[in-house]
């Protein structure tokens, strides 16, 4: 027997989940920009991200991050609410007067679910 109410409920839950995932994909990753005497540090919130999911680059005056994550299959379970976005982006623009050595930048994924991108300041005397 076809259960119309259950089928409709399943469709609503799935569509709400997909919409929530799209909203998450359109919301930039939260980030902080910190500065020391010798570098800038950009800290992105990236919980549950694996290093293989990450792309980090420095473009013009911005640190850009892209996360393309895989949604694993869980045996014995059916997807009811696909609410986590699969592709997430974030960027932080450094101050207009920043002079950096982008080639020496480094990115470290921490155990606490944050991504630290360190961009050293360039030695202005070398110019």
PDB file of N, CA and C in Angstrom:
ATOM      1  N   UNK A   1       0.843  -1.181   0.000  1.00  0.00           N
ATOM      2  CA  UNK A   1       0.000   0.000   0.000  1.00  0.00           C
ATOM      3  C   UNK A   1       0.895   1.253   0.000  1.00  0.00           C
ATOM      4  N   UNK A   2       0.568   2.214  -0.851  1.00  0.00           N
ATOM      5  CA  UNK A   2       1.331   3.448  -0.961  1.00  0.00           C
ATOM      6  C   UNK A   2       0.939   4.401   0.169  1.00  0.00           C
ATOM      7  N   UNK A   3       1.920   4.860   0.893  1.00  0.00           N
ATOM      8  CA  UNK A   3       1.682   5.784   2.003  1.00  0.00           C
ATOM      9  C   UNK A   3       2.007   7.197   1.512  1.00  0.00           C
ATOM     10  N   UNK A   4       0.988   7.895   1.011  1.00  0.00           N
ATOM     11  CA  UNK A   4       1.170   9.219   0.442  1.00  0.00           C
ATOM     12  C   UNK A   4       1.748  10.197   1.462  1.00  0.00           C
ATOM     13  N   UNK A   5       1.256  10.173   2.702  1.00  0.00           N
ATOM     14  CA  UNK A   5       1.728  11.109   3.726  1.00  0.00           C
ATOM     15  C   UNK A   5       3.212  10.900   4.003  1.00  0.00           C
ATOM     16  N   UNK A   6       3.637   9.646   4.090  1.00  0.00           N
ATOM     17  CA  UNK A   6       5.057   9.372   4.344  1.00  0.00           C
ATOM     18  C   UNK A   6       5.900   9.822   3.158  1.00  0.00           C
ATOM     19  N   UNK A   7       5.443   9.529   1.947  1.00  0.00           N
ATOM     20  CA  UNK A   7       6.164   9.913   0.748  1.00  0.00           C
ATOM     21  C   UNK A   7       6.293  11.438   0.664  1.00  0.00           C
ATOM     22  N   UNK A   8       5.223  12.146   0.956  1.00  0.00           N
ATOM     23  CA  UNK A   8       5.254  13.608   0.948  1.00  0.00           C
ATOM     24  C   UNK A   8       6.182  14.127   2.033  1.00  0.00           C
ATOM     25  N   UNK A   9       6.109  13.543   3.211  1.00  0.00           N
ATOM     26  CA  UNK A   9       6.999  13.942   4.311  1.00  0.00           C
ATOM     27  C   UNK A   9       8.457  13.730   3.966  1.00  0.00           C
ATOM     28  N   UNK A  10       8.771  12.577   3.347  1.00  0.00           N
ATOM     29  CA  UNK A  10      10.143  12.297   2.932  1.00  0.00           C
ATOM     30  C   UNK A  10      10.629  13.341   1.923  1.00  0.00           C
ATOM     31  N   UNK A  11       9.776  13.691   0.966  1.00  0.00           N
ATOM     32  CA  UNK A  11      10.145  14.669  -0.057  1.00  0.00           C
ATOM     33  C   UNK A  11      10.394  16.034   0.571  1.00  0.00           C
ATOM     34  N   UNK A  12       9.571  16.414   1.525  1.00  0.00           N
ATOM     35  CA  UNK A  12       9.749  17.712   2.192  1.00  0.00           C
ATOM     36  C   UNK A  12      11.059  17.739   2.971  1.00  0.00           C
ATOM     37  N   UNK A  13      11.313  16.688   3.744  1.00  0.00           N
ATOM     38  CA  UNK A  13      12.557  16.626   4.532  1.00  0.00           C
ATOM     39  C   UNK A  13      13.767  16.683   3.612  1.00  0.00           C
ATOM     40  N   UNK A  14      13.744  15.928   2.520  1.00  0.00           N
ATOM     41  CA  UNK A  14      14.877  15.918   1.596  1.00  0.00           C
ATOM     42  C   UNK A  14      15.082  17.298   0.963  1.00  0.00           C
ATOM     43  N   UNK A  15      13.997  17.953   0.542  1.00  0.00           N
ATOM     44  CA  UNK A  15      14.121  19.274  -0.075  1.00  0.00           C
ATOM     45  C   UNK A  15      14.610  20.323   0.914  1.00  0.00           C
ATOM     46  N   UNK A  16      14.150  20.255   2.154  1.00  0.00           N
ATOM     47  CA  UNK A  16      14.640  21.187   3.177  1.00  0.00           C
ATOM     48  C   UNK A  16      16.128  20.956   3.402  1.00  0.00           C
ATOM     49  N   UNK A  17      16.539  19.691   3.453  1.00  0.00           N
ATOM     50  CA  UNK A  17      17.954  19.375   3.627  1.00  0.00           C
ATOM     51  C   UNK A  17      18.801  19.895   2.484  1.00  0.00           C
ATOM     52  N   UNK A  18      18.333  19.694   1.261  1.00  0.00           N
ATOM     53  CA  UNK A  18      19.089  20.195   0.102  1.00  0.00           C
ATOM     54  C   UNK A  18      19.189  21.720   0.131  1.00  0.00           C
ATOM     55  N   UNK A  19      18.102  22.388   0.516  1.00  0.00           N
ATOM     56  CA  UNK A  19      18.130  23.851   0.616  1.00  0.00           C
ATOM     57  C   UNK A  19      19.118  24.296   1.688  1.00  0.00           C
ATOM     58  N   UNK A  20      19.132  23.598   2.823  1.00  0.00           N
ATOM     59  CA  UNK A  20      20.080  23.940   3.893  1.00  0.00           C
ATOM     60  C   UNK A  20      21.516  23.753   3.413  1.00  0.00           C
ATOM     61  N   UNK A  21      21.772  22.689   2.657  1.00  0.00           N
ATOM     62  CA  UNK A  21      23.103  22.464   2.104  1.00  0.00           C
ATOM     63  C   UNK A  21      23.505  23.566   1.137  1.00  0.00           C
ATOM     64  N   UNK A  22      22.555  24.025   0.302  1.00  0.00           N
ATOM     65  CA  UNK A  22      22.859  25.117  -0.639  1.00  0.00           C
ATOM     66  C   UNK A  22      23.152  26.414   0.101  1.00  0.00           C
ATOM     67  N   UNK A  23      22.401  26.689   1.167  1.00  0.00           N
ATOM     68  CA  UNK A  23      22.658  27.894   1.966  1.00  0.00           C
ATOM     69  C   UNK A  23      24.059  27.827   2.557  1.00  0.00           C
ATOM     70  N   UNK A  24      24.424  26.650   3.093  1.00  0.00           N
ATOM     71  CA  UNK A  24      25.752  26.502   3.670  1.00  0.00           C
ATOM     72  C   UNK A  24      26.830  26.708   2.609  1.00  0.00           C
ATOM     73  N   UNK A  25      26.603  26.207   1.401  1.00  0.00           N
ATOM     74  CA  UNK A  25      27.584  26.360   0.331  1.00  0.00           C
ATOM     75  C   UNK A  25      27.736  27.810  -0.102  1.00  0.00           C
ATOM     76  N   UNK A  26      26.701  28.624   0.079  1.00  0.00           N
ATOM     77  CA  UNK A  26      26.767  30.027  -0.319  1.00  0.00           C
ATOM     78  C   UNK A  26      27.252  30.938   0.803  1.00  0.00           C
ATOM     79  N   UNK A  27      27.416  30.397   1.996  1.00  0.00           N
ATOM     80  CA  UNK A  27      27.892  31.166   3.138  1.00  0.00           C
ATOM     81  C   UNK A  27      29.398  30.981   3.246  1.00  0.00           C
ATOM     82  N   UNK A  28      30.168  32.059   3.242  1.00  0.00           N
ATOM     83  CA  UNK A  28      31.624  31.904   3.316  1.00  0.00           C
ATOM     84  C   UNK A  28      32.058  31.261   4.639  1.00  0.00           C
ATOM     85  N   UNK A  29      33.154  30.522   4.570  1.00  0.00           N
ATOM     86  CA  UNK A  29      33.727  29.964   5.789  1.00  0.00           C
ATOM     87  C   UNK A  29      34.095  31.100   6.738  1.00  0.00           C
ATOM     88  N   UNK A  30      33.731  31.000   8.006  1.00  0.00           N
ATOM     89  CA  UNK A  30      34.119  32.043   8.961  1.00  0.00           C
ATOM     90  C   UNK A  30      35.635  32.096   9.099  1.00  0.00           C
ATOM     91  N   UNK A  31      36.171  33.300   9.232  1.00  0.00           N
ATOM     92  CA  UNK A  31      37.625  33.451   9.317  1.00  0.00           C
ATOM     93  C   UNK A  31      37.994  34.670  10.146  1.00  0.00           C
ATOM     94  N   UNK A  32      39.166  34.588  10.766  1.00  0.00           N
ATOM     95  CA  UNK A  32      39.783  35.709  11.478  1.00  0.00           C
ATOM     96  C   UNK A  32      41.089  36.053  10.778  1.00  0.00           C
ATOM     97  N   UNK A  33      41.436  37.333  10.758  1.00  0.00           N
ATOM     98  CA  UNK A  33      42.724  37.785  10.246  1.00  0.00           C
ATOM     99  C   UNK A  33      43.505  38.366  11.404  1.00  0.00           C
ATOM    100  N   UNK A  34      44.690  37.824  11.644  1.00  0.00           N
ATOM    101  CA  UNK A  34      45.562  38.300  12.711  1.00  0.00           C
ATOM    102  C   UNK A  34      46.868  38.790  12.091  1.00  0.00           C
ATOM    103  N   UNK A  35      47.566  39.672  12.801  1.00  0.00           N
ATOM    104  CA  UNK A  35      48.820  40.203  12.294  1.00  0.00           C
ATOM    105  C   UNK A  35      49.851  40.237  13.409  1.00  0.00           C
ATOM    106  N   UNK A  36      51.069  39.837  13.068  1.00  0.00           N
ATOM    107  CA  UNK A  36      52.202  39.970  13.981  1.00  0.00           C
ATOM    108  C   UNK A  36      53.236  40.848  13.283  1.00  0.00           C
ATOM    109  N   UNK A  37      54.383  41.012  13.895  1.00  0.00           N
ATOM    110  CA  UNK A  37      55.437  41.828  13.290  1.00  0.00           C
ATOM    111  C   UNK A  37      55.954  41.229  11.988  1.00  0.00           C
ATOM    112  N   UNK A  38      55.890  39.883  11.864  1.00  0.00           N
ATOM    113  CA  UNK A  38      56.496  39.257  10.699  1.00  0.00           C
ATOM    114  C   UNK A  38      55.544  38.462   9.804  1.00  0.00           C
ATOM    115  N   UNK A  39      54.240  38.429  10.139  1.00  0.00           N
ATOM    116  CA  UNK A  39      53.334  37.623   9.300  1.00  0.00           C
ATOM    117  C   UNK A  39      51.880  37.986   9.543  1.00  0.00           C
ATOM    118  N   UNK A  40      51.047  37.538   8.607  1.00  0.00           N
ATOM    119  CA  UNK A  40      49.600  37.548   8.780  1.00  0.00           C
ATOM    120  C   UNK A  40      49.180  36.095   9.005  1.00  0.00           C
ATOM    121  N   UNK A  41      48.178  35.912   9.819  1.00  0.00           N
ATOM    122  CA  UNK A  41      47.638  34.584  10.073  1.00  0.00           C
ATOM    123  C   UNK A  41      46.137  34.651   9.835  1.00  0.00           C
ATOM    124  N   UNK A  42      45.658  33.810   8.919  1.00  0.00           N
ATOM    125  CA  UNK A  42      44.235  33.720   8.649  1.00  0.00           C
ATOM    126  C   UNK A  42      43.767  32.384   9.216  1.00  0.00           C
ATOM    127  N   UNK A  43      42.751  32.429  10.074  1.00  0.00           N
ATOM    128  CA  UNK A  43      42.230  31.226  10.711  1.00  0.00           C
ATOM    129  C   UNK A  43      40.797  31.018  10.221  1.00  0.00           C
ATOM    130  N   UNK A  44      40.593  29.906   9.521  1.00  0.00           N
ATOM    131  CA  UNK A  44      39.277  29.543   8.995  1.00  0.00           C
ATOM    132  C   UNK A  44      38.679  28.442   9.856  1.00  0.00           C
ATOM    133  N   UNK A  45      37.385  28.489  10.116  1.00  0.00           N
ATOM    134  CA  UNK A  45      36.679  27.374  10.747  1.00  0.00           C
ATOM    135  C   UNK A  45      36.443  26.323   9.670  1.00  0.00           C
ATOM    136  N   UNK A  46      36.917  25.105   9.911  1.00  0.00           N
ATOM    137  CA  UNK A  46      36.783  24.040   8.922  1.00  0.00           C
ATOM    138  C   UNK A  46      36.576  22.692   9.609  1.00  0.00           C
ATOM    139  N   UNK A  47      35.555  22.584  10.476  1.00  0.00           N
ATOM    140  CA  UNK A  47      35.369  21.328  11.205  1.00  0.00           C
ATOM    141  C   UNK A  47      35.036  20.162  10.274  1.00  0.00           C
ATOM    142  N   UNK A  48      35.635  19.026  10.564  1.00  0.00           N
ATOM    143  CA  UNK A  48      35.352  17.820   9.802  1.00  0.00           C
ATOM    144  C   UNK A  48      36.013  17.748   8.447  1.00  0.00           C
ATOM    145  N   UNK A  49      36.867  18.701   8.128  1.00  0.00           N
ATOM    146  CA  UNK A  49      37.518  18.740   6.826  1.00  0.00           C
ATOM    147  C   UNK A  49      38.802  17.911   6.884  1.00  0.00           C
ATOM    148  N   UNK A  50      39.068  17.191   5.822  1.00  0.00           N
ATOM    149  CA  UNK A  50      40.313  16.433   5.678  1.00  0.00           C
ATOM    150  C   UNK A  50      41.275  17.253   4.819  1.00  0.00           C
ATOM    151  N   UNK A  51      42.555  17.063   5.016  1.00  0.00           N
ATOM    152  CA  UNK A  51      43.559  17.802   4.240  1.00  0.00           C
ATOM    153  C   UNK A  51      43.350  17.599   2.740  1.00  0.00           C
ATOM    154  N   UNK A  52      42.937  16.403   2.345  1.00  0.00           N
ATOM    155  CA  UNK A  52      42.730  16.120   0.921  1.00  0.00           C
ATOM    156  C   UNK A  52      41.535  16.877   0.336  1.00  0.00           C
ATOM    157  N   UNK A  53      40.669  17.433   1.203  1.00  0.00           N
ATOM    158  CA  UNK A  53      39.500  18.192   0.755  1.00  0.00           C
ATOM    159  C   UNK A  53      39.835  19.651   0.450  1.00  0.00           C
ATOM    160  N   UNK A  54      41.023  20.101   0.832  1.00  0.00           N
ATOM    161  CA  UNK A  54      41.354  21.532   0.832  1.00  0.00           C
ATOM    162  C   UNK A  54      42.159  21.985  -0.376  1.00  0.00           C
ATOM    163  N   UNK A  55      41.834  23.195  -0.821  1.00  0.00           N
ATOM    164  CA  UNK A  55      42.656  23.921  -1.786  1.00  0.00           C
ATOM    165  C   UNK A  55      42.869  25.302  -1.180  1.00  0.00           C
ATOM    166  N   UNK A  56      44.122  25.713  -1.048  1.00  0.00           N
ATOM    167  CA  UNK A  56      44.452  27.016  -0.482  1.00  0.00           C
ATOM    168  C   UNK A  56      45.349  27.734  -1.478  1.00  0.00           C
ATOM    169  N   UNK A  57      45.015  28.997  -1.756  1.00  0.00           N
ATOM    170  CA  UNK A  57      45.867  29.777  -2.648  1.00  0.00           C
ATOM    171  C   UNK A  57      45.853  31.244  -2.259  1.00  0.00           C
ATOM    172  N   UNK A  58      46.887  31.935  -2.701  1.00  0.00           N
ATOM    173  CA  UNK A  58      46.984  33.373  -2.501  1.00  0.00           C
ATOM    174  C   UNK A  58      46.821  34.007  -3.870  1.00  0.00           C
ATOM    175  N   UNK A  59      45.769  34.816  -4.028  1.00  0.00           N
ATOM    176  CA  UNK A  59      45.471  35.460  -5.303  1.00  0.00           C
ATOM    177  C   UNK A  59      45.371  36.956  -5.064  1.00  0.00           C
ATOM    178  N   UNK A  60      46.188  37.714  -5.789  1.00  0.00           N
ATOM    179  CA  UNK A  60      46.250  39.167  -5.618  1.00  0.00           C
ATOM    180  C   UNK A  60      46.523  39.490  -4.157  1.00  0.00           C
ATOM    181  N   UNK A  61      45.556  39.987  -3.453  1.00  0.00           N
ATOM    182  CA  UNK A  61      45.752  40.359  -2.043  1.00  0.00           C
ATOM    183  C   UNK A  61      44.882  39.526  -1.110  1.00  0.00           C
ATOM    184  N   UNK A  62      44.479  38.325  -1.577  1.00  0.00           N
ATOM    185  CA  UNK A  62      43.526  37.492  -0.829  1.00  0.00           C
ATOM    186  C   UNK A  62      44.058  36.090  -0.584  1.00  0.00           C
ATOM    187  N   UNK A  63      43.725  35.569   0.602  1.00  0.00           N
ATOM    188  CA  UNK A  63      43.897  34.151   0.893  1.00  0.00           C
ATOM    189  C   UNK A  63      42.551  33.504   0.573  1.00  0.00           C
ATOM    190  N   UNK A  64      42.566  32.523  -0.331  1.00  0.00           N
ATOM    191  CA  UNK A  64      41.333  31.860  -0.745  1.00  0.00           C
ATOM    192  C   UNK A  64      41.392  30.387  -0.375  1.00  0.00           C
ATOM    193  N   UNK A  65      40.272  29.882   0.142  1.00  0.00           N
ATOM    194  CA  UNK A  65      40.168  28.481   0.535  1.00  0.00           C
ATOM    195  C   UNK A  65      38.939  27.883  -0.122  1.00  0.00           C
ATOM    196  N   UNK A  66      39.106  26.676  -0.632  1.00  0.00           N
ATOM    197  CA  UNK A  66      37.973  25.925  -1.171  1.00  0.00           C
ATOM    198  C   UNK A  66      38.015  24.534  -0.546  1.00  0.00           C
ATOM    199  N   UNK A  67      36.854  24.089  -0.095  1.00  0.00           N
ATOM    200  CA  UNK A  67      36.701  22.762   0.478  1.00  0.00           C
ATOM    201  C   UNK A  67      35.737  21.981  -0.409  1.00  0.00           C
ATOM    202  N   UNK A  68      36.203  20.881  -0.949  1.00  0.00           N
ATOM    203  CA  UNK A  68      35.347  19.961  -1.705  1.00  0.00           C
ATOM    204  C   UNK A  68      35.357  18.655  -0.932  1.00  0.00           C
ATOM    205  N   UNK A  69      34.296  18.442  -0.186  1.00  0.00           N
ATOM    206  CA  UNK A  69      34.289  17.241   0.649  1.00  0.00           C
ATOM    207  C   UNK A  69      33.358  16.178   0.087  1.00  0.00           C
ATOM    208  N   UNK A  70      33.639  14.973   0.457  1.00  0.00           N
ATOM    209  CA  UNK A  70      32.916  13.797   0.017  1.00  0.00           C
ATOM    210  C   UNK A  70      31.959  13.393   1.132  1.00  0.00           C
ATOM    211  N   UNK A  71      30.753  13.044   0.774  1.00  0.00           N
ATOM    212  CA  UNK A  71      29.786  12.565   1.758  1.00  0.00           C
ATOM    213  C   UNK A  71      29.852  11.041   1.752  1.00  0.00           C
ATOM    214  N   UNK A  72      30.425  10.436   2.802  1.00  0.00           N
ATOM    215  CA  UNK A  72      30.604   8.973   2.793  1.00  0.00           C
ATOM    216  C   UNK A  72      29.279   8.222   2.926  1.00  0.00           C
ATOM    217  N   UNK A  73      29.282   7.017   2.423  1.00  0.00           N
ATOM    218  CA  UNK A  73      28.139   6.117   2.529  1.00  0.00           C
ATOM    219  C   UNK A  73      28.198   5.441   3.898  1.00  0.00           C
ATOM    220  N   UNK A  74      27.070   5.313   4.542  1.00  0.00           N
ATOM    221  CA  UNK A  74      26.988   4.629   5.828  1.00  0.00           C
ATOM    222  C   UNK A  74      26.077   3.419   5.659  1.00  0.00           C
ATOM    223  N   UNK A  75      26.688   2.240   5.689  1.00  0.00           N
ATOM    224  CA  UNK A  75      25.949   1.001   5.438  1.00  0.00           C
ATOM    225  C   UNK A  75      24.773   0.865   6.406  1.00  0.00           C
ATOM    226  N   UNK A  76      23.627   0.530   5.849  1.00  0.00           N
ATOM    227  CA  UNK A  76      22.429   0.329   6.644  1.00  0.00           C
ATOM    228  C   UNK A  76      21.636   1.600   6.892  1.00  0.00           C
ATOM    229  N   UNK A  77      22.122   2.728   6.365  1.00  0.00           N
ATOM    230  CA  UNK A  77      21.434   4.003   6.555  1.00  0.00           C
ATOM    231  C   UNK A  77      21.059   4.600   5.206  1.00  0.00           C
ATOM    232  N   UNK A  78      19.964   5.330   5.200  1.00  0.00           N
ATOM    233  CA  UNK A  78      19.475   6.011   4.014  1.00  0.00           C
ATOM    234  C   UNK A  78      19.536   7.514   4.275  1.00  0.00           C
ATOM    235  N   UNK A  79      19.950   8.287   3.271  1.00  0.00           N
ATOM    236  CA  UNK A  79      20.030   9.739   3.415  1.00  0.00           C
ATOM    237  C   UNK A  79      18.618  10.316   3.525  1.00  0.00           C
ATOM    238  N   UNK A  80      18.351  11.005   4.618  1.00  0.00           N
ATOM    239  CA  UNK A  80      17.046  11.630   4.824  1.00  0.00           C
ATOM    240  C   UNK A  80      17.133  13.151   4.736  1.00  0.00           C
ATOM    241  N   UNK A  81      18.273  13.704   5.158  1.00  0.00           N
ATOM    242  CA  UNK A  81      18.413  15.155   5.241  1.00  0.00           C
ATOM    243  C   UNK A  81      19.827  15.524   4.818  1.00  0.00           C
ATOM    244  N   UNK A  82      20.052  15.795   3.536  1.00  0.00           N
ATOM    245  CA  UNK A  82      21.398  16.119   3.057  1.00  0.00           C
ATOM    246  C   UNK A  82      21.730  17.592   3.313  1.00  0.00           C
ATOM    247  N   UNK A  83      21.958  17.936   4.576  1.00  0.00           N
ATOM    248  CA  UNK A  83      22.083  19.339   4.948  1.00  0.00           C
ATOM    249  C   UNK A  83      23.487  19.917   4.972  1.00  0.00           C
ATOM    250  N   UNK A  84      24.525  19.078   4.830  1.00  0.00           N
ATOM    251  CA  UNK A  84      25.883  19.606   4.843  1.00  0.00           C
ATOM    252  C   UNK A  84      26.323  19.911   3.424  1.00  0.00           C
ATOM    253  N   UNK A  85      26.782  21.122   3.222  1.00  0.00           N
ATOM    254  CA  UNK A  85      27.262  21.504   1.899  1.00  0.00           C
ATOM    255  C   UNK A  85      28.501  20.707   1.528  1.00  0.00           C
ATOM    256  N   UNK A  86      28.641  20.388   0.264  1.00  0.00           N
ATOM    257  CA  UNK A  86      29.790  19.622  -0.198  1.00  0.00           C
ATOM    258  C   UNK A  86      30.921  20.512  -0.670  1.00  0.00           C
ATOM    259  N   UNK A  87      30.611  21.709  -1.151  1.00  0.00           N
ATOM    260  CA  UNK A  87      31.626  22.653  -1.617  1.00  0.00           C
ATOM    261  C   UNK A  87      31.493  23.941  -0.825  1.00  0.00           C
ATOM    262  N   UNK A  88      32.551  24.277  -0.106  1.00  0.00           N
ATOM    263  CA  UNK A  88      32.548  25.475   0.731  1.00  0.00           C
ATOM    264  C   UNK A  88      33.726  26.353   0.342  1.00  0.00           C
ATOM    265  N   UNK A  89      33.527  27.661   0.412  1.00  0.00           N
ATOM    266  CA  UNK A  89      34.575  28.605   0.053  1.00  0.00           C
ATOM    267  C   UNK A  89      34.733  29.651   1.139  1.00  0.00           C
ATOM    268  N   UNK A  90      35.903  30.239   1.177  1.00  0.00           N
ATOM    269  CA  UNK A  90      36.152  31.368   2.068  1.00  0.00           C
ATOM    270  C   UNK A  90      37.334  32.150   1.545  1.00  0.00           C
ATOM    271  N   UNK A  91      37.362  33.425   1.840  1.00  0.00           N
ATOM    272  CA  UNK A  91      38.516  34.238   1.461  1.00  0.00           C
ATOM    273  C   UNK A  91      38.639  35.395   2.440  1.00  0.00           C
ATOM    274  N   UNK A  92      39.869  35.844   2.590  1.00  0.00           N
ATOM    275  CA  UNK A  92      40.166  36.998   3.434  1.00  0.00           C
ATOM    276  C   UNK A  92      41.115  37.887   2.658  1.00  0.00           C
ATOM    277  N   UNK A  93      40.775  39.159   2.568  1.00  0.00           N
ATOM    278  CA  UNK A  93      41.623  40.133   1.899  1.00  0.00           C
ATOM    279  C   UNK A  93      42.557  40.758   2.920  1.00  0.00           C
ATOM    280  N   UNK A  94      43.843  40.745   2.604  1.00  0.00           N
ATOM    281  CA  UNK A  94      44.826  41.362   3.490  1.00  0.00           C
ATOM    282  C   UNK A  94      44.744  42.888   3.348  1.00  0.00           C
ATOM    283  N   UNK A  95      45.271  43.612   4.327  1.00  0.00           N
ATOM    284  CA  UNK A  95      45.233  45.083   4.252  1.00  0.00           C
ATOM    285  C   UNK A  95      45.893  45.607   2.972  1.00  0.00           C
ATOM    286  N   UNK A  96      45.424  46.741   2.501  1.00  0.00           N
ATOM    287  CA  UNK A  96      45.911  47.324   1.246  1.00  0.00           C
ATOM    288  C   UNK A  96      47.418  47.563   1.260  1.00  0.00           C
ATOM    289  N   UNK A  97      47.986  47.844   2.428  1.00  0.00           N
ATOM    290  CA  UNK A  97      49.424  48.130   2.509  1.00  0.00           C
ATOM    291  C   UNK A  97      50.271  46.887   2.806  1.00  0.00           C
ATOM    292  N   UNK A  98      49.664  45.701   2.777  1.00  0.00           N
ATOM    293  CA  UNK A  98      50.399  44.472   3.087  1.00  0.00           C
ATOM    294  C   UNK A  98      51.394  44.142   1.978  1.00  0.00           C
ATOM    295  N   UNK A  99      52.624  43.878   2.382  1.00  0.00           N
ATOM    296  CA  UNK A  99      53.658  43.417   1.467  1.00  0.00           C
ATOM    297  C   UNK A  99      54.080  42.052   1.989  1.00  0.00           C
ATOM    298  N   UNK A 100      53.760  41.008   1.218  1.00  0.00           N
ATOM    299  CA  UNK A 100      53.961  39.645   1.721  1.00  0.00           C
ATOM    300  C   UNK A 100      54.813  38.813   0.769  1.00  0.00           C
ATOM    301  N   UNK A 101      55.315  37.717   1.310  1.00  0.00           N
ATOM    302  CA  UNK A 101      56.036  36.717   0.536  1.00  0.00           C
ATOM    303  C   UNK A 101      55.094  35.522   0.363  1.00  0.00           C
ATOM    304  N   UNK A 102      54.239  35.589  -0.651  1.00  0.00           N
ATOM    305  CA  UNK A 102      53.208  34.561  -0.856  1.00  0.00           C
ATOM    306  C   UNK A 102      53.817  33.189  -1.119  1.00  0.00           C
ATOM    307  N   UNK A 103      55.002  33.128  -1.712  1.00  0.00           N
ATOM    308  CA  UNK A 103      55.655  31.842  -1.990  1.00  0.00           C
ATOM    309  C   UNK A 103      56.028  31.110  -0.707  1.00  0.00           C
ATOM    310  N   UNK A 104      56.215  31.841   0.387  1.00  0.00           N
ATOM    311  CA  UNK A 104      56.607  31.231   1.662  1.00  0.00           C
ATOM    312  C   UNK A 104      55.405  30.945   2.569  1.00  0.00           C
ATOM    313  N   UNK A 105      54.200  31.175   2.068  1.00  0.00           N
ATOM    314  CA  UNK A 105      52.994  30.940   2.868  1.00  0.00           C
ATOM    315  C   UNK A 105      52.839  29.450   3.167  1.00  0.00           C
ATOM    316  N   UNK A 106      52.178  29.161   4.288  1.00  0.00           N
ATOM    317  CA  UNK A 106      51.936  27.768   4.666  1.00  0.00           C
ATOM    318  C   UNK A 106      50.521  27.621   5.219  1.00  0.00           C
ATOM    319  N   UNK A 107      49.975  26.422   5.083  1.00  0.00           N
ATOM    320  CA  UNK A 107      48.637  26.137   5.597  1.00  0.00           C
ATOM    321  C   UNK A 107      48.722  24.890   6.469  1.00  0.00           C
ATOM    322  N   UNK A 108      48.073  24.957   7.641  1.00  0.00           N
ATOM    323  CA  UNK A 108      48.086  23.837   8.578  1.00  0.00           C
ATOM    324  C   UNK A 108      46.672  23.582   9.070  1.00  0.00           C
ATOM    325  N   UNK A 109      46.207  22.351   8.905  1.00  0.00           N
ATOM    326  CA  UNK A 109      44.898  21.945   9.404  1.00  0.00           C
ATOM    327  C   UNK A 109      45.075  21.425  10.819  1.00  0.00           C
ATOM    328  N   UNK A 110      44.428  22.080  11.772  1.00  0.00           N
ATOM    329  CA  UNK A 110      44.593  21.750  13.189  1.00  0.00           C
ATOM    330  C   UNK A 110      43.559  20.727  13.640  1.00  0.00           C
ATOM    331  N   UNK A 111      43.868  20.032  14.726  1.00  0.00           N
ATOM    332  CA  UNK A 111      42.956  19.028  15.288  1.00  0.00           C
ATOM    333  C   UNK A 111      41.648  19.635  15.778  1.00  0.00           C
ATOM    334  N   UNK A 112      41.651  20.936  16.103  1.00  0.00           N
ATOM    335  CA  UNK A 112      40.434  21.572  16.618  1.00  0.00           C
ATOM    336  C   UNK A 112      39.471  22.012  15.517  1.00  0.00           C
ATOM    337  N   UNK A 113      39.763  21.635  14.256  1.00  0.00           N
ATOM    338  CA  UNK A 113      38.855  21.967  13.154  1.00  0.00           C
ATOM    339  C   UNK A 113      39.074  23.342  12.579  1.00  0.00           C
ATOM    340  N   UNK A 114      40.263  23.895  12.755  1.00  0.00           N
ATOM    341  CA  UNK A 114      40.580  25.175  12.143  1.00  0.00           C
ATOM    342  C   UNK A 114      41.721  24.991  11.149  1.00  0.00           C
ATOM    343  N   UNK A 115      41.718  25.836  10.141  1.00  0.00           N
ATOM    344  CA  UNK A 115      42.778  25.872   9.148  1.00  0.00           C
ATOM    345  C   UNK A 115      43.549  27.165   9.365  1.00  0.00           C
ATOM    346  N   UNK A 116      44.861  27.057   9.600  1.00  0.00           N
ATOM    347  CA  UNK A 116      45.711  28.222   9.820  1.00  0.00           C
ATOM    348  C   UNK A 116      46.547  28.454   8.565  1.00  0.00           C
ATOM    349  N   UNK A 117      46.383  29.621   7.958  1.00  0.00           N
ATOM    350  CA  UNK A 117      47.171  29.992   6.792  1.00  0.00           C
ATOM    351  C   UNK A 117      48.073  31.150   7.212  1.00  0.00           C
ATOM    352  N   UNK A 118      49.386  30.886   7.209  1.00  0.00           N
ATOM    353  CA  UNK A 118      50.377  31.886   7.622  1.00  0.00           C
ATOM    354  C   UNK A 118      51.031  32.459   6.379  1.00  0.00           C
ATOM    355  N   UNK A 119      50.946  33.782   6.237  1.00  0.00           N
ATOM    356  CA  UNK A 119      51.543  34.475   5.100  1.00  0.00           C
ATOM    357  C   UNK A 119      52.592  35.432   5.643  1.00  0.00           C
ATOM    358  N   UNK A 120      53.889  35.096   5.466  1.00  0.00           N
ATOM    359  CA  UNK A 120      54.931  35.958   6.007  1.00  0.00           C
ATOM    360  C   UNK A 120      54.985  37.318   5.300  1.00  0.00           C
ATOM    361  N   UNK A 121      55.350  38.308   6.066  1.00  0.00           N
ATOM    362  CA  UNK A 121      55.577  39.633   5.476  1.00  0.00           C
ATOM    363  C   UNK A 121      56.892  39.602   4.736  1.00  0.00           C
ATOM    364  N   UNK A 122      56.957  40.328   3.633  1.00  0.00           N
ATOM    365  CA  UNK A 122      58.184  40.404   2.841  1.00  0.00           C
ATOM    366  C   UNK A 122      59.108  41.415   3.480  1.00  0.00           C
ATOM    367  N   UNK A 123      60.386  41.179   3.295  1.00  0.00           N
ATOM    368  CA  UNK A 123      61.408  42.115   3.748  1.00  0.00           C
ATOM    369  C   UNK A 123      61.442  43.254   2.732  1.00  0.00           C
ATOM    370  N   UNK A 124      60.889  44.397   3.136  1.00  0.00           N
ATOM    371  CA  UNK A 124      60.775  45.527   2.195  1.00  0.00           C
ATOM    372  C   UNK A 124      62.124  46.035   1.731  1.00  0.00           C
ATOM    373  N   UNK A 125      63.178  45.795   2.507  1.00  0.00           N
ATOM    374  CA  UNK A 125      64.520  46.235   2.113  1.00  0.00           C
ATOM    375  C   UNK A 125      65.040  45.452   0.918  1.00  0.00           C
ATOM    376  N   UNK A 126      64.461  44.258   0.674  1.00  0.00           N
ATOM    377  CA  UNK A 126      64.906  43.425  -0.439  1.00  0.00           C
ATOM    378  C   UNK A 126      64.394  43.932  -1.781  1.00  0.00           C
ATOM    379  N   UNK A 127      63.437  44.845  -1.767  1.00  0.00           N
ATOM    380  CA  UNK A 127      62.860  45.357  -3.030  1.00  0.00           C
ATOM    381  C   UNK A 127      63.772  46.312  -3.743  1.00  0.00           C
TER     382      UNK A 127
END
